[in-house]
Amino acid sequence: MVESVHHGHVVALDAAGEVVLSVGDPEVTFFARSTLKPLQAVGMLRAGLRLDGELLALSAASHSGEPAHLDGVRRMLNAGGLGAAALLNTPDLPLDADAAFGWRSRGGGAEPLAQNCSGKHAAMLLTCLANGWDTQDYLSPAHPLQVALREAVEELTGVASVHTGVDGCGAPLFSTTPLGLARAVARIAAAAPDTEEGRVGVAMREHPWWVSGTGRDALVLTAAVPGLLAKDGAEGVFAAALPDGRAVVAKVLDGSKRPLRAIVAAALRTLGVAAPDLEAAGRTEVLGHGRAVGTVEPLIGGR
């Protein structure tokens, strides 16, 4: 019995940048949400941000708010002589249930530090300090930081950002297309390690837990496919790319994240990815009374 159906857009590129899978409209204008963070991290490096390794990965993260994530954000802020009060992102609790319980048990409430975008915002503040830019209004679309990030997004995607919205964290959100985003993440994943794009790609591949957190879809897929760069976003968006430039972007139209692992795994198979653990990583079970009573089945990738 088919209980629910998720529609959406999917595009997959081969190593030459050619479209080998197209579902829906890969050139539709949309908000890529947090899958833009790797592109924004590239923009910040271009503007003088000095980070590498796990903290650069954290700057491109939608982290789960686990203790090490929050300690990493504090390290970033401390490097700029800043406290958590400088963060202007939306107050929230950690995404991870255990982390949220521990945070509340220690007396914490909804705070910018605990919100999943605090790594990006800490990096934004450090970029402002590197340029002598004001840190009080860095969320304004007219701020030099956001102008630089918009230019980076447009250059990496090859698509004009015709709409500017407000992301869940309060930062400006620049529109693009699934195809443009796929080109951008492919470029980041395949870039030489001494370039700004390559530095972000290396950081995300070498420190995938810092980009997401325990049990998250992006971490499961990167564990299953060696060398995969993966980033999730709100409203059912996911981007992934391999070091040879193969890339996948998916957008679920109802905003659900439930089908994403199955969709992305199926799209990767169409690109010839045959990692032994990919099948299990893409399996998404429907539970009844705590046991599997069904699965989410992708209608792409030969399934």
C-alpha atoms as a PDB file:
ATOM      1  CA  MET A   1       0.000   0.000   0.000  1.00  0.00           C
ATOM      2  CA  VAL A   2       1.313   3.468  -0.920  1.00  0.00           C
ATOM      3  CA  GLU A   3       0.710   5.717   2.070  1.00  0.00           C
ATOM      4  CA  SER A   4       2.416   8.979   1.057  1.00  0.00           C
ATOM      5  CA  VAL A   5       4.110  10.446  -1.999  1.00  0.00           C
ATOM      6  CA  HIS A   6       6.868  13.087  -2.046  1.00  0.00           C
ATOM      7  CA  HIS A   7       7.410  15.077  -5.236  1.00  0.00           C
ATOM      8  CA  GLY A   8      10.440  17.210  -5.995  1.00  0.00           C
ATOM      9  CA  HIS A   9      13.378  18.223  -8.155  1.00  0.00           C
ATOM     10  CA  VAL A  10      16.559  16.163  -8.558  1.00  0.00           C
ATOM     11  CA  VAL A  11      19.605  16.756 -10.727  1.00  0.00           C
ATOM     12  CA  ALA A  12      22.772  14.672 -11.010  1.00  0.00           C
ATOM     13  CA  LEU A  13      25.940  15.691 -12.869  1.00  0.00           C
ATOM     14  CA  ASP A  14      28.698  13.443 -14.132  1.00  0.00           C
ATOM     15  CA  ALA A  15      32.380  14.266 -13.734  1.00  0.00           C
ATOM     16  CA  ALA A  16      32.288  16.384 -16.902  1.00  0.00           C
ATOM     17  CA  GLY A  17      29.430  18.488 -15.542  1.00  0.00           C
ATOM     18  CA  GLU A  18      26.839  16.975 -17.852  1.00  0.00           C
ATOM     19  CA  VAL A  19      23.319  16.304 -16.594  1.00  0.00           C
ATOM     20  CA  VAL A  20      22.746  12.546 -16.392  1.00  0.00           C
ATOM     21  CA  LEU A  21      19.626  12.599 -14.222  1.00  0.00           C
ATOM     22  CA  SER A  22      16.899  15.232 -14.249  1.00  0.00           C
ATOM     23  CA  VAL A  23      13.613  15.013 -12.337  1.00  0.00           C
ATOM     24  CA  GLY A  24      11.195  17.917 -12.071  1.00  0.00           C
ATOM     25  CA  ASP A  25      12.782  21.231 -13.047  1.00  0.00           C
ATOM     26  CA  PRO A  26      16.513  21.523 -12.219  1.00  0.00           C
ATOM     27  CA  GLU A  27      16.495  25.150 -13.377  1.00  0.00           C
ATOM     28  CA  VAL A  28      13.650  26.314 -11.144  1.00  0.00           C
ATOM     29  CA  THR A  29      14.510  29.240  -8.879  1.00  0.00           C
ATOM     30  CA  PHE A  30      14.476  28.124  -5.248  1.00  0.00           C
ATOM     31  CA  PHE A  31      15.966  28.764  -1.829  1.00  0.00           C
ATOM     32  CA  ALA A  32      18.722  26.242  -1.172  1.00  0.00           C
ATOM     33  CA  ARG A  33      18.648  27.021   2.542  1.00  0.00           C
ATOM     34  CA  SER A  34      21.633  25.624   4.479  1.00  0.00           C
ATOM     35  CA  THR A  35      23.061  23.811   1.472  1.00  0.00           C
ATOM     36  CA  LEU A  36      24.411  27.267   0.583  1.00  0.00           C
ATOM     37  CA  LYS A  37      26.724  27.204   3.616  1.00  0.00           C
ATOM     38  CA  PRO A  38      29.693  25.625   1.808  1.00  0.00           C
ATOM     39  CA  LEU A  39      29.395  28.353  -0.824  1.00  0.00           C
ATOM     40  CA  GLN A  40      29.198  31.008   1.876  1.00  0.00           C
ATOM     41  CA  ALA A  41      32.268  29.507   3.545  1.00  0.00           C
ATOM     42  CA  VAL A  42      34.149  29.881   0.263  1.00  0.00           C
ATOM     43  CA  GLY A  43      33.011  33.491   0.107  1.00  0.00           C
ATOM     44  CA  MET A  44      34.261  34.129   3.627  1.00  0.00           C
ATOM     45  CA  LEU A  45      37.678  32.632   2.857  1.00  0.00           C
ATOM     46  CA  ARG A  46      37.878  34.849  -0.191  1.00  0.00           C
ATOM     47  CA  ALA A  47      37.105  37.809   2.068  1.00  0.00           C
ATOM     48  CA  GLY A  48      39.920  37.002   4.476  1.00  0.00           C
ATOM     49  CA  LEU A  49      38.541  34.444   6.944  1.00  0.00           C
ATOM     50  CA  ARG A  50      41.416  32.454   8.443  1.00  0.00           C
ATOM     51  CA  LEU A  51      40.070  29.022   9.353  1.00  0.00           C
ATOM     52  CA  ASP A  52      40.843  25.460   8.350  1.00  0.00           C
ATOM     53  CA  GLY A  53      40.136  21.953   9.586  1.00  0.00           C
ATOM     54  CA  GLU A  54      37.235  21.210  11.863  1.00  0.00           C
ATOM     55  CA  LEU A  55      36.433  24.867  12.519  1.00  0.00           C
ATOM     56  CA  LEU A  56      36.176  25.608   8.809  1.00  0.00           C
ATOM     57  CA  ALA A  57      33.859  22.596   8.540  1.00  0.00           C
ATOM     58  CA  LEU A  58      31.859  24.048  11.429  1.00  0.00           C
ATOM     59  CA  SER A  59      31.522  27.339   9.558  1.00  0.00           C
ATOM     60  CA  ALA A  60      29.695  25.391   6.811  1.00  0.00           C
ATOM     61  CA  ALA A  61      27.632  23.370   9.288  1.00  0.00           C
ATOM     62  CA  SER A  62      24.088  22.923  10.413  1.00  0.00           C
ATOM     63  CA  HIS A  63      25.438  21.317  13.556  1.00  0.00           C
ATOM     64  CA  SER A  64      23.439  19.276  16.039  1.00  0.00           C
ATOM     65  CA  GLY A  65      24.471  21.333  19.044  1.00  0.00           C
ATOM     66  CA  GLU A  66      26.438  18.528  20.660  1.00  0.00           C
ATOM     67  CA  PRO A  67      28.955  19.708  23.288  1.00  0.00           C
ATOM     68  CA  ALA A  68      31.987  19.649  20.971  1.00  0.00           C
ATOM     69  CA  HIS A  69      30.070  21.647  18.360  1.00  0.00           C
ATOM     70  CA  LEU A  70      29.319  24.372  20.867  1.00  0.00           C
ATOM     71  CA  ASP A  71      32.877  24.324  22.191  1.00  0.00           C
ATOM     72  CA  GLY A  72      34.060  24.791  18.599  1.00  0.00           C
ATOM     73  CA  VAL A  73      31.859  27.854  18.171  1.00  0.00           C
ATOM     74  CA  ARG A  74      33.244  29.260  21.423  1.00  0.00           C
ATOM     75  CA  ARG A  75      36.788  28.689  20.125  1.00  0.00           C
ATOM     76  CA  MET A  76      35.936  30.637  16.994  1.00  0.00           C
ATOM     77  CA  LEU A  77      34.470  33.502  18.976  1.00  0.00           C
ATOM     78  CA  ASN A  78      37.409  33.517  21.410  1.00  0.00           C
ATOM     79  CA  ALA A  79      39.811  33.802  18.471  1.00  0.00           C
ATOM     80  CA  GLY A  80      38.178  37.127  17.657  1.00  0.00           C
ATOM     81  CA  GLY A  81      37.941  38.293  21.266  1.00  0.00           C
ATOM     82  CA  LEU A  82      34.159  37.921  21.116  1.00  0.00           C
ATOM     83  CA  GLY A  83      31.577  36.393  23.402  1.00  0.00           C
ATOM     84  CA  ALA A  84      28.398  34.520  22.571  1.00  0.00           C
ATOM     85  CA  ALA A  85      26.466  37.789  22.879  1.00  0.00           C
ATOM     86  CA  ALA A  86      27.948  38.876  19.537  1.00  0.00           C
ATOM     87  CA  LEU A  87      25.992  36.154  17.715  1.00  0.00           C
ATOM     88  CA  LEU A  88      22.861  37.511  16.057  1.00  0.00           C
ATOM     89  CA  ASN A  89      21.396  34.218  14.835  1.00  0.00           C
ATOM     90  CA  THR A  90      17.990  33.063  16.075  1.00  0.00           C
ATOM     91  CA  PRO A  91      17.922  31.625  19.615  1.00  0.00           C
ATOM     92  CA  ASP A  92      17.132  27.909  19.691  1.00  0.00           C
ATOM     93  CA  LEU A  93      17.883  24.625  21.422  1.00  0.00           C
ATOM     94  CA  PRO A  94      20.334  22.044  20.047  1.00  0.00           C
ATOM     95  CA  LEU A  95      18.959  19.894  17.215  1.00  0.00           C
ATOM     96  CA  ASP A  96      20.153  16.647  18.793  1.00  0.00           C
ATOM     97  CA  ALA A  97      17.657  15.357  21.354  1.00  0.00           C
ATOM     98  CA  ASP A  98      20.297  14.157  23.828  1.00  0.00           C
ATOM     99  CA  ALA A  99      22.268  17.365  23.441  1.00  0.00           C
ATOM    100  CA  ALA A 100      19.110  19.419  23.983  1.00  0.00           C
ATOM    101  CA  PHE A 101      18.289  17.419  27.128  1.00  0.00           C
ATOM    102  CA  GLY A 102      21.781  17.944  28.499  1.00  0.00           C
ATOM    103  CA  TRP A 103      21.686  21.635  27.604  1.00  0.00           C
ATOM    104  CA  ARG A 104      18.360  22.117  29.395  1.00  0.00           C
ATOM    105  CA  SER A 105      19.539  20.029  32.359  1.00  0.00           C
ATOM    106  CA  ARG A 106      22.425  22.452  32.803  1.00  0.00           C
ATOM    107  CA  GLY A 107      20.003  25.383  32.829  1.00  0.00           C
ATOM    108  CA  GLY A 108      20.335  26.392  29.202  1.00  0.00           C
ATOM    109  CA  GLY A 109      17.453  27.741  27.162  1.00  0.00           C
ATOM    110  CA  ALA A 110      16.965  28.857  23.587  1.00  0.00           C
ATOM    111  CA  GLU A 111      20.175  30.722  22.765  1.00  0.00           C
ATOM    112  CA  PRO A 112      22.017  31.741  19.578  1.00  0.00           C
ATOM    113  CA  LEU A 113      25.041  29.631  20.570  1.00  0.00           C
ATOM    114  CA  ALA A 114      22.958  26.438  20.663  1.00  0.00           C
ATOM    115  CA  GLN A 115      21.226  27.079  17.332  1.00  0.00           C
ATOM    116  CA  ASN A 116      22.475  24.972  14.430  1.00  0.00           C
ATOM    117  CA  CYS A 117      23.836  27.921  12.416  1.00  0.00           C
ATOM    118  CA  SER A 118      26.037  29.385  15.141  1.00  0.00           C
ATOM    119  CA  GLY A 119      29.220  28.133  13.454  1.00  0.00           C
ATOM    120  CA  LYS A 120      28.386  30.038  10.284  1.00  0.00           C
ATOM    121  CA  HIS A 121      27.571  33.161  12.284  1.00  0.00           C
ATOM    122  CA  ALA A 122      30.800  32.937  14.282  1.00  0.00           C
ATOM    123  CA  ALA A 123      32.691  32.697  10.970  1.00  0.00           C
ATOM    124  CA  MET A 124      30.753  35.692   9.665  1.00  0.00           C
ATOM    125  CA  LEU A 125      31.850  37.694  12.691  1.00  0.00           C
ATOM    126  CA  LEU A 126      35.490  36.673  12.206  1.00  0.00           C
ATOM    127  CA  THR A 127      35.276  37.690   8.545  1.00  0.00           C
ATOM    128  CA  CYS A 128      33.948  41.090   9.595  1.00  0.00           C
ATOM    129  CA  LEU A 129      36.819  41.529  12.053  1.00  0.00           C
ATOM    130  CA  ALA A 130      39.358  40.565   9.366  1.00  0.00           C
ATOM    131  CA  ASN A 131      38.071  43.420   7.201  1.00  0.00           C
ATOM    132  CA  GLY A 132      37.272  46.025   9.845  1.00  0.00           C
ATOM    133  CA  TRP A 133      33.547  45.735   9.057  1.00  0.00           C
ATOM    134  CA  ASP A 134      30.866  46.498  11.587  1.00  0.00           C
ATOM    135  CA  THR A 135      29.737  43.456  13.563  1.00  0.00           C
ATOM    136  CA  GLN A 136      26.477  44.960  14.788  1.00  0.00           C
ATOM    137  CA  ASP A 137      24.508  44.683  11.545  1.00  0.00           C
ATOM    138  CA  TYR A 138      26.245  41.872   9.701  1.00  0.00           C
ATOM    139  CA  LEU A 139      22.839  40.330   8.855  1.00  0.00           C
ATOM    140  CA  SER A 140      21.810  43.268   6.675  1.00  0.00           C
ATOM    141  CA  PRO A 141      21.755  42.334   2.961  1.00  0.00           C
ATOM    142  CA  ALA A 142      23.547  45.624   2.293  1.00  0.00           C
ATOM    143  CA  HIS A 143      26.409  44.830   4.695  1.00  0.00           C
ATOM    144  CA  PRO A 144      29.765  44.352   2.896  1.00  0.00           C
ATOM    145  CA  LEU A 145      29.915  40.767   4.219  1.00  0.00           C
ATOM    146  CA  GLN A 146      26.571  39.808   2.707  1.00  0.00           C
ATOM    147  CA  VAL A 147      27.384  41.579  -0.545  1.00  0.00           C
ATOM    148  CA  ALA A 148      30.567  39.491  -0.768  1.00  0.00           C
ATOM    149  CA  LEU A 149      28.697  36.276   0.032  1.00  0.00           C
ATOM    150  CA  ARG A 150      26.043  36.977  -2.570  1.00  0.00           C
ATOM    151  CA  GLU A 151      28.760  37.543  -5.163  1.00  0.00           C
ATOM    152  CA  ALA A 152      30.388  34.247  -4.191  1.00  0.00           C
ATOM    153  CA  VAL A 153      27.102  32.349  -4.470  1.00  0.00           C
ATOM    154  CA  GLU A 154      26.407  33.837  -7.885  1.00  0.00           C
ATOM    155  CA  GLU A 155      29.927  33.155  -9.164  1.00  0.00           C
ATOM    156  CA  LEU A 156      30.042  29.550  -7.923  1.00  0.00           C
ATOM    157  CA  THR A 157      26.579  28.645  -9.190  1.00  0.00           C
ATOM    158  CA  GLY A 158      26.656  30.692 -12.390  1.00  0.00           C
ATOM    159  CA  VAL A 159      23.129  31.854 -11.513  1.00  0.00           C
ATOM    160  CA  ALA A 160      21.956  35.367 -10.613  1.00  0.00           C
ATOM    161  CA  SER A 161      20.355  35.530  -7.156  1.00  0.00           C
ATOM    162  CA  VAL A 162      17.128  37.222  -8.157  1.00  0.00           C
ATOM    163  CA  HIS A 163      15.505  36.811  -4.727  1.00  0.00           C
ATOM    164  CA  THR A 164      16.844  37.510  -1.253  1.00  0.00           C
ATOM    165  CA  GLY A 165      14.913  36.012   1.637  1.00  0.00           C
ATOM    166  CA  VAL A 166      15.591  35.527   5.340  1.00  0.00           C
ATOM    167  CA  ASP A 167      16.895  32.144   6.436  1.00  0.00           C
ATOM    168  CA  GLY A 168      15.792  30.507   9.669  1.00  0.00           C
ATOM    169  CA  CYS A 169      18.892  31.806  11.421  1.00  0.00           C
ATOM    170  CA  GLY A 170      18.216  35.391  10.322  1.00  0.00           C
ATOM    171  CA  ALA A 171      20.937  35.607   7.664  1.00  0.00           C
ATOM    172  CA  PRO A 172      20.130  36.735   4.124  1.00  0.00           C
ATOM    173  CA  LEU A 173      19.148  33.807   1.906  1.00  0.00           C
ATOM    174  CA  PHE A 174      20.095  34.048  -1.753  1.00  0.00           C
ATOM    175  CA  SER A 175      18.113  32.191  -4.395  1.00  0.00           C
ATOM    176  CA  THR A 176      19.656  29.892  -6.981  1.00  0.00           C
ATOM    177  CA  THR A 177      18.649  26.781  -8.925  1.00  0.00           C
ATOM    178  CA  PRO A 178      19.208  23.065  -8.241  1.00  0.00           C
ATOM    179  CA  LEU A 179      21.428  22.870 -11.326  1.00  0.00           C
ATOM    180  CA  GLY A 180      23.432  25.909 -10.235  1.00  0.00           C
ATOM    181  CA  LEU A 181      23.879  24.476  -6.762  1.00  0.00           C
ATOM    182  CA  ALA A 182      25.009  21.140  -8.203  1.00  0.00           C
ATOM    183  CA  ARG A 183      27.647  22.921 -10.279  1.00  0.00           C
ATOM    184  CA  ALA A 184      28.834  24.812  -7.203  1.00  0.00           C
ATOM    185  CA  VAL A 185      29.179  21.812  -4.886  1.00  0.00           C
ATOM    186  CA  ALA A 186      30.869  19.865  -7.693  1.00  0.00           C
ATOM    187  CA  ARG A 187      33.375  22.689  -8.027  1.00  0.00           C
ATOM    188  CA  ILE A 188      34.017  22.757  -4.278  1.00  0.00           C
ATOM    189  CA  ALA A 189      34.434  18.988  -4.068  1.00  0.00           C
ATOM    190  CA  ALA A 190      36.799  18.787  -7.063  1.00  0.00           C
ATOM    191  CA  ALA A 191      38.911  21.895  -6.411  1.00  0.00           C
ATOM    192  CA  ALA A 192      42.625  21.807  -5.665  1.00  0.00           C
ATOM    193  CA  PRO A 193      43.221  21.794  -1.896  1.00  0.00           C
ATOM    194  CA  ASP A 194      45.172  25.071  -1.949  1.00  0.00           C
ATOM    195  CA  THR A 195      42.201  27.053  -3.314  1.00  0.00           C
ATOM    196  CA  GLU A 196      39.405  28.523  -1.225  1.00  0.00           C
ATOM    197  CA  GLU A 197      36.945  26.062  -2.752  1.00  0.00           C
ATOM    198  CA  GLY A 198      39.293  23.158  -2.121  1.00  0.00           C
ATOM    199  CA  ARG A 199      39.933  24.170   1.480  1.00  0.00           C
ATOM    200  CA  VAL A 200      36.195  24.020   2.178  1.00  0.00           C
ATOM    201  CA  GLY A 201      35.910  20.687   0.366  1.00  0.00           C
ATOM    202  CA  VAL A 202      38.801  19.163   2.314  1.00  0.00           C
ATOM    203  CA  ALA A 203      37.473  20.431   5.644  1.00  0.00           C
ATOM    204  CA  MET A 204      33.992  19.034   5.034  1.00  0.00           C
ATOM    205  CA  ARG A 205      35.254  15.647   3.808  1.00  0.00           C
ATOM    206  CA  GLU A 206      37.796  15.223   6.600  1.00  0.00           C
ATOM    207  CA  HIS A 207      35.469  16.443   9.372  1.00  0.00           C
ATOM    208  CA  PRO A 208      31.918  15.380   8.368  1.00  0.00           C
ATOM    209  CA  TRP A 209      30.681  15.103  11.956  1.00  0.00           C
ATOM    210  CA  TRP A 210      31.422  18.806  12.430  1.00  0.00           C
ATOM    211  CA  VAL A 211      29.202  19.611   9.430  1.00  0.00           C
ATOM    212  CA  SER A 212      26.186  17.816  10.910  1.00  0.00           C
ATOM    213  CA  GLY A 213      26.212  15.530  13.953  1.00  0.00           C
ATOM    214  CA  THR A 214      25.569  12.063  15.305  1.00  0.00           C
ATOM    215  CA  GLY A 215      23.074  10.043  13.257  1.00  0.00           C
ATOM    216  CA  ARG A 216      22.338  12.817  10.759  1.00  0.00           C
ATOM    217  CA  ASP A 217      21.591  12.007   7.104  1.00  0.00           C
ATOM    218  CA  ALA A 218      24.689  13.788   5.808  1.00  0.00           C
ATOM    219  CA  LEU A 219      26.932  11.880   8.206  1.00  0.00           C
ATOM    220  CA  VAL A 220      25.354   8.519   7.323  1.00  0.00           C
ATOM    221  CA  LEU A 221      25.886   9.103   3.603  1.00  0.00           C
ATOM    222  CA  THR A 222      29.458  10.354   3.966  1.00  0.00           C
ATOM    223  CA  ALA A 223      30.276   7.287   6.058  1.00  0.00           C
ATOM    224  CA  ALA A 224      28.859   5.052   3.326  1.00  0.00           C
ATOM    225  CA  VAL A 225      30.573   6.732   0.360  1.00  0.00           C
ATOM    226  CA  PRO A 226      34.292   7.477   0.816  1.00  0.00           C
ATOM    227  CA  GLY A 227      35.176  11.001  -0.261  1.00  0.00           C
ATOM    228  CA  LEU A 228      31.593  12.235  -0.405  1.00  0.00           C
ATOM    229  CA  LEU A 229      30.897  15.850   0.545  1.00  0.00           C
ATOM    230  CA  ALA A 230      27.318  16.181   1.812  1.00  0.00           C
ATOM    231  CA  LYS A 231      25.203  19.036   3.152  1.00  0.00           C
ATOM    232  CA  ASP A 232      21.558  19.085   4.177  1.00  0.00           C
ATOM    233  CA  GLY A 233      19.231  22.058   4.362  1.00  0.00           C
ATOM    234  CA  ALA A 234      15.824  22.953   5.707  1.00  0.00           C
ATOM    235  CA  GLU A 235      12.683  22.416   3.628  1.00  0.00           C
ATOM    236  CA  GLY A 236      13.893  19.179   2.092  1.00  0.00           C
ATOM    237  CA  VAL A 237      17.107  20.250   0.344  1.00  0.00           C
ATOM    238  CA  PHE A 238      20.254  18.130   0.037  1.00  0.00           C
ATOM    239  CA  ALA A 239      23.505  18.529  -1.896  1.00  0.00           C
ATOM    240  CA  ALA A 240      26.315  16.011  -2.328  1.00  0.00           C
ATOM    241  CA  ALA A 241      29.430  15.786  -4.479  1.00  0.00           C
ATOM    242  CA  LEU A 242      32.476  13.590  -5.057  1.00  0.00           C
ATOM    243  CA  PRO A 243      36.104  14.662  -5.603  1.00  0.00           C
ATOM    244  CA  ASP A 244      35.852  13.839  -9.319  1.00  0.00           C
ATOM    245  CA  GLY A 245      33.042  16.391  -9.747  1.00  0.00           C
ATOM    246  CA  ARG A 246      30.019  14.098  -9.773  1.00  0.00           C
ATOM    247  CA  ALA A 247      27.208  15.827  -7.874  1.00  0.00           C
ATOM    248  CA  VAL A 248      23.590  15.451  -6.772  1.00  0.00           C
ATOM    249  CA  VAL A 249      21.075  18.051  -5.573  1.00  0.00           C
ATOM    250  CA  ALA A 250      17.570  17.226  -4.392  1.00  0.00           C
ATOM    251  CA  LYS A 251      14.666  19.433  -3.302  1.00  0.00           C
ATOM    252  CA  VAL A 252      11.543  17.821  -1.823  1.00  0.00           C
ATOM    253  CA  LEU A 253       8.600  20.050  -2.635  1.00  0.00           C
ATOM    254  CA  ASP A 254       6.649  19.431   0.571  1.00  0.00           C
ATOM    255  CA  GLY A 255       9.733  20.346   2.600  1.00  0.00           C
ATOM    256  CA  SER A 256      10.059  16.910   4.188  1.00  0.00           C
ATOM    257  CA  LYS A 257      13.495  15.459   4.871  1.00  0.00           C
ATOM    258  CA  ARG A 258      12.168  11.903   5.208  1.00  0.00           C
ATOM    259  CA  PRO A 259      12.818  10.763   1.615  1.00  0.00           C
ATOM    260  CA  LEU A 260      16.184  12.465   1.174  1.00  0.00           C
ATOM    261  CA  ARG A 261      18.516   9.596   2.026  1.00  0.00           C
ATOM    262  CA  ALA A 262      16.635   7.249  -0.304  1.00  0.00           C
ATOM    263  CA  ILE A 263      16.581   9.836  -3.108  1.00  0.00           C
ATOM    264  CA  VAL A 264      20.227  10.837  -2.808  1.00  0.00           C
ATOM    265  CA  ALA A 265      21.410   7.225  -2.606  1.00  0.00           C
ATOM    266  CA  ALA A 266      19.406   6.370  -5.735  1.00  0.00           C
ATOM    267  CA  ALA A 267      20.795   9.400  -7.587  1.00  0.00           C
ATOM    268  CA  LEU A 268      24.349   8.460  -6.600  1.00  0.00           C
ATOM    269  CA  ARG A 269      23.771   4.987  -8.023  1.00  0.00           C
ATOM    270  CA  THR A 270      22.825   6.547 -11.359  1.00  0.00           C
ATOM    271  CA  LEU A 271      26.247   8.206 -11.285  1.00  0.00           C
ATOM    272  CA  GLY A 272      27.915   4.820 -10.938  1.00  0.00           C
ATOM    273  CA  VAL A 273      28.629   5.010  -7.206  1.00  0.00           C
ATOM    274  CA  ALA A 274      28.773   1.398  -6.065  1.00  0.00           C
ATOM    275  CA  ALA A 275      29.912   1.729  -2.460  1.00  0.00           C
ATOM    276  CA  PRO A 276      28.948  -1.440  -0.541  1.00  0.00           C
ATOM    277  CA  ASP A 277      27.241   0.498   2.251  1.00  0.00           C
ATOM    278  CA  LEU A 278      25.238   2.852   0.027  1.00  0.00           C
ATOM    279  CA  GLU A 279      22.182   0.599  -0.140  1.00  0.00           C
ATOM    280  CA  ALA A 280      21.896   0.472   3.652  1.00  0.00           C
ATOM    281  CA  ALA A 281      22.601   4.191   3.985  1.00  0.00           C
ATOM    282  CA  GLY A 282      19.732   4.982   1.643  1.00  0.00           C
ATOM    283  CA  ARG A 283      17.254   2.682   3.319  1.00  0.00           C
ATOM    284  CA  THR A 284      14.606   4.692   5.187  1.00  0.00           C
ATOM    285  CA  GLU A 285      12.177   2.574   7.167  1.00  0.00           C
ATOM    286  CA  VAL A 286       8.585   3.354   8.056  1.00  0.00           C
ATOM    287  CA  LEU A 287       8.055   2.233  11.634  1.00  0.00           C
ATOM    288  CA  GLY A 288       5.051   0.726  13.323  1.00  0.00           C
ATOM    289  CA  HIS A 289       5.226  -0.034  17.047  1.00  0.00           C
ATOM    290  CA  GLY A 290       8.990   0.441  16.846  1.00  0.00           C
ATOM    291  CA  ARG A 291       9.651  -2.008  14.006  1.00  0.00           C
ATOM    292  CA  ALA A 292       9.952  -1.676  10.247  1.00  0.00           C
ATOM    293  CA  VAL A 293       6.599  -2.109   8.519  1.00  0.00           C
ATOM    294  CA  GLY A 294       7.513  -0.349   5.263  1.00  0.00           C
ATOM    295  CA  THR A 295      10.173   1.640   3.441  1.00  0.00           C
ATOM    296  CA  VAL A 296      10.528   4.849   1.506  1.00  0.00           C
ATOM    297  CA  GLU A 297      11.054   3.807  -2.119  1.00  0.00           C
ATOM    298  CA  PRO A 298      12.762   6.142  -4.627  1.00  0.00           C
ATOM    299  CA  LEU A 299      11.311   6.192  -8.142  1.00  0.00           C
ATOM    300  CA  ILE A 300      14.652   7.156  -9.675  1.00  0.00           C
ATOM    301  CA  GLY A 301      17.912   5.338 -10.160  1.00  0.00           C
ATOM    302  CA  GLY A 302      16.481   2.115 -11.516  1.00  0.00           C
ATOM    303  CA  ARG A 303      14.436   1.199  -8.451  1.00  0.00           C
END
